[in-house]
Amino acid sequence: MSLVGDGEDRDAVSEWVREHGLSDRVDMPGYVDGRELVQQYLDSVAFVLPTYAEGFPTVISEAMDAGLPIVTTRCRGMADRLAEGVNCLFVLPRDPHGLAAAVRRLLRDSNLRETMGEANRRQVEAFAPDVVVRDYLRALESV
């Protein structure tokens, strides 16, 4: 498993991983970009973002483009753009048991992972620059 990214809790998470003897099973590369980031997506079977403050971060559309099923919270933009059981599994914020259950469900159900991944690949096309620009232009012209 890879925990990708940096943040204020990175050291605490790293210490927890060490204390629980998981260092050989959890890779924590920190912040990555470019080819290394693409490889992280390609090596993944699911994308998990247990947030309570994000809107619709770029990493969600990147995971969708990579064809990954998503586990996240139903907040802001994600609640507007993702559908439970179609693109993602929603969990409550700060609910580690619910998060673990959702991840287990995805790991055990290859069909669900595949159908969510395909749905995400299709839906992310709606975020393509040419589509978004055309929609914005129509909205501006109508005003």
Protein backbone atom coordinates (compact mmCIF):
# COMPACT_ATOMS: atom_id res chain seq x y z
CA MET A 1 0.00 0.00 0.00
CA SER A 2 1.20 3.52 -0.75
CA LEU A 3 0.35 6.63 1.22
CA VAL A 4 1.26 9.37 -1.22
CA GLY A 5 1.52 13.02 -0.29
CA ASP A 6 2.71 15.31 2.43
CA GLY A 7 0.91 17.19 5.12
CA GLU A 8 1.08 18.26 8.71
CA ASP A 9 0.28 14.74 9.97
CA ARG A 10 2.82 12.89 7.80
CA ASP A 11 5.33 12.38 10.62
CA ALA A 12 2.64 11.14 13.00
CA VAL A 13 1.30 8.72 10.38
CA SER A 14 4.81 7.49 9.63
CA GLU A 15 5.43 6.90 13.34
CA TRP A 16 2.12 5.02 13.66
CA VAL A 17 3.09 2.80 10.72
CA ARG A 18 6.46 2.03 12.37
CA GLU A 19 4.94 1.42 15.82
CA HIS A 20 2.47 -1.07 14.37
CA GLY A 21 5.12 -2.99 12.44
CA LEU A 22 3.74 -2.05 9.04
CA SER A 23 6.80 -0.40 7.54
CA ASP A 24 7.40 -3.36 5.23
CA ARG A 25 3.78 -3.19 3.94
CA VAL A 26 3.23 0.59 3.69
CA ASP A 27 5.21 2.75 1.31
CA MET A 28 5.21 6.49 2.11
CA PRO A 29 6.93 8.26 -0.79
CA GLY A 30 5.69 11.71 0.23
CA TYR A 31 4.95 14.28 -2.44
CA VAL A 32 5.39 12.94 -5.97
CA ASP A 33 4.68 14.40 -9.38
CA GLY A 34 5.26 13.78 -13.05
CA ARG A 35 6.04 10.21 -14.08
CA GLU A 36 6.30 9.03 -10.49
CA LEU A 37 2.76 10.24 -9.79
CA VAL A 38 1.44 8.58 -12.94
CA GLN A 39 3.13 5.34 -11.88
CA GLN A 40 1.50 5.53 -8.44
CA TYR A 41 -1.92 5.71 -10.10
CA LEU A 42 -1.07 2.85 -12.48
CA ASP A 43 0.09 0.67 -9.58
CA SER A 44 -3.11 1.28 -7.59
CA VAL A 45 -6.36 -0.67 -7.42
CA ALA A 46 -8.31 2.09 -5.64
CA PHE A 47 -7.96 5.71 -4.57
CA VAL A 48 -8.79 6.72 -1.01
CA LEU A 49 -9.19 10.32 0.16
CA PRO A 50 -10.74 10.44 3.64
CA THR A 51 -11.16 14.19 3.75
CA TYR A 52 -13.54 16.50 5.50
CA ALA A 53 -12.51 19.84 4.02
CA GLU A 54 -11.75 19.37 0.33
CA GLY A 55 -13.97 20.61 -2.47
CA PHE A 56 -13.18 18.63 -5.60
CA PRO A 57 -9.40 18.32 -5.55
CA THR A 58 -7.37 17.59 -8.66
CA VAL A 59 -6.35 14.19 -7.27
CA ILE A 60 -9.95 13.02 -7.59
CA SER A 61 -10.08 13.79 -11.32
CA GLU A 62 -6.60 12.25 -11.73
CA ALA A 63 -7.79 9.05 -10.03
CA MET A 64 -10.88 9.04 -12.22
CA ASP A 65 -8.74 9.45 -15.33
CA ALA A 66 -6.61 6.50 -14.17
CA GLY A 67 -9.78 4.42 -13.96
CA LEU A 68 -9.65 3.94 -10.22
CA PRO A 69 -12.64 3.43 -7.96
CA ILE A 70 -12.72 6.03 -5.19
CA VAL A 71 -13.39 5.98 -1.47
CA THR A 72 -14.00 9.44 -0.03
CA THR A 73 -16.36 11.55 2.03
CA ARG A 74 -19.58 13.10 0.78
CA CYS A 75 -18.52 16.73 0.99
CA ARG A 76 -18.71 19.71 -1.30
CA GLY A 77 -17.77 19.04 -4.92
CA MET A 78 -17.37 15.32 -4.44
CA ALA A 79 -21.01 15.07 -3.35
CA ASP A 80 -21.96 16.98 -6.51
CA ARG A 81 -19.81 15.02 -8.98
CA LEU A 82 -19.61 11.47 -7.62
CA ALA A 83 -22.40 8.94 -7.14
CA GLU A 84 -22.38 6.28 -4.43
CA GLY A 85 -21.81 2.84 -5.92
CA VAL A 86 -21.23 4.29 -9.39
CA ASN A 87 -17.98 6.27 -9.04
CA CYS A 88 -17.20 5.87 -5.38
CA LEU A 89 -18.02 4.61 -1.97
CA PHE A 90 -18.77 7.45 0.44
CA VAL A 91 -17.73 7.24 4.08
CA LEU A 92 -18.39 9.55 6.98
CA PRO A 93 -15.61 12.00 7.90
CA ARG A 94 -13.33 10.79 10.68
CA ASP A 95 -14.82 7.28 10.62
CA PRO A 96 -11.90 4.83 10.45
CA HIS A 97 -14.17 1.78 10.76
CA GLY A 98 -16.37 2.93 7.88
CA LEU A 99 -13.28 3.75 5.83
CA ALA A 100 -11.80 0.30 6.47
CA ALA A 101 -15.11 -1.37 5.55
CA ALA A 102 -15.31 0.54 2.25
CA VAL A 103 -11.73 -0.32 1.33
CA ARG A 104 -12.31 -3.99 2.21
CA ARG A 105 -15.44 -4.00 0.07
CA LEU A 106 -13.50 -2.72 -2.94
CA LEU A 107 -10.61 -5.10 -2.39
CA ARG A 108 -12.99 -8.06 -2.24
CA ASP A 109 -15.16 -7.10 -5.22
CA SER A 110 -13.21 -6.94 -8.46
CA ASN A 111 -16.41 -6.40 -10.48
CA LEU A 112 -17.30 -3.32 -8.43
CA ARG A 113 -13.76 -1.96 -8.84
CA GLU A 114 -13.92 -2.50 -12.59
CA THR A 115 -17.35 -0.95 -13.12
CA MET A 116 -16.49 2.08 -10.94
CA GLY A 117 -13.18 2.50 -12.72
CA GLU A 118 -14.87 2.47 -16.13
CA ALA A 119 -17.56 4.89 -14.94
CA ASN A 120 -14.83 7.22 -13.69
CA ARG A 121 -12.93 7.10 -16.99
CA ARG A 122 -16.13 8.05 -18.83
CA GLN A 123 -17.20 10.76 -16.39
CA VAL A 124 -13.83 12.51 -16.24
CA GLU A 125 -14.23 13.34 -19.93
CA ALA A 126 -16.80 15.94 -18.81
CA PHE A 127 -13.92 17.80 -17.10
CA ALA A 128 -11.81 18.05 -20.28
CA PRO A 129 -10.73 21.64 -21.01
CA ASP A 130 -12.54 21.83 -24.37
CA VAL A 131 -15.80 20.66 -22.75
CA VAL A 132 -15.49 23.00 -19.76
CA VAL A 133 -14.60 26.00 -21.93
CA ARG A 134 -17.58 25.34 -24.21
CA ASP A 135 -19.91 25.13 -21.16
CA TYR A 136 -18.53 28.34 -19.66
CA LEU A 137 -18.87 30.12 -23.01
CA ARG A 138 -22.52 29.05 -23.29
CA ALA A 139 -23.20 30.25 -19.76
CA LEU A 140 -21.56 33.64 -20.44
CA GLU A 141 -23.41 34.06 -23.73
CA SER A 142 -26.73 33.39 -22.03
CA VAL A 143 -26.15 36.22 -19.54
